[in-house]
Amino acid sequence: MSSSAENAESAKNVRGAKNAKSSESAKSSESAKSAERKYRAVTALQRRLNAVVRRLPGQTLLETTGRVSGLPRRTPVGGRRVGDSFWLVSEFGERSQYVRNIRADPRVRVRVRGRWYTGTAHPLADDDPVARLRRLPRLNSLAVRAMGVGTGLLTVRVDLESRGAT
């Protein structure tokens, strides 16, 4: 092969590689857009449902302090009390508003079976949230998996105060 033919072949290979990378980038971009659309749709639905669900007497609630407003924010959650800890998995991880509030002020309250407990919340990035979901209430775990696929699940442990019921 002549030198100019080799150069033409080389340029063709480079263009082909760039096109392949461009195609992969487009797929990745489309996947990110899809995940963002899902996040927005689910959070819009949750905002409406949570307004109703948080009023139900048996619903487990997590109360955080708003990081900007300073007001109490109550979010229906699914989780399980194990000894002096309450465990839950956030379906949107660090993007969840209650996780952001916990980062600003980890003092929280949890309502379990109609009783309020005070405690300190700890987001646990090193914990396996999928394995944790297997040990939490089944219905909530299914909902978290369905709504949170590919969005960065995050385990949160709340250390309850020994006489923390209020």
Foldseek 3Di string as FASTA:
>chain_A
DDPVVVVVVVVVVVVVVVVVVVVVVVVVVVVVVVLVVLVVVVVVVQVVVQVVVVPDQQFKWKWFQQLPPRHIDIGGFFWDDDPQKTKGKDLQPPPDRVNVRLVNPQWIWIAHRNWIFIFGKDWDLPDDVLVRLVVTDPVRSVVSCVSRPPNRMIMMMTRTDPPGTD
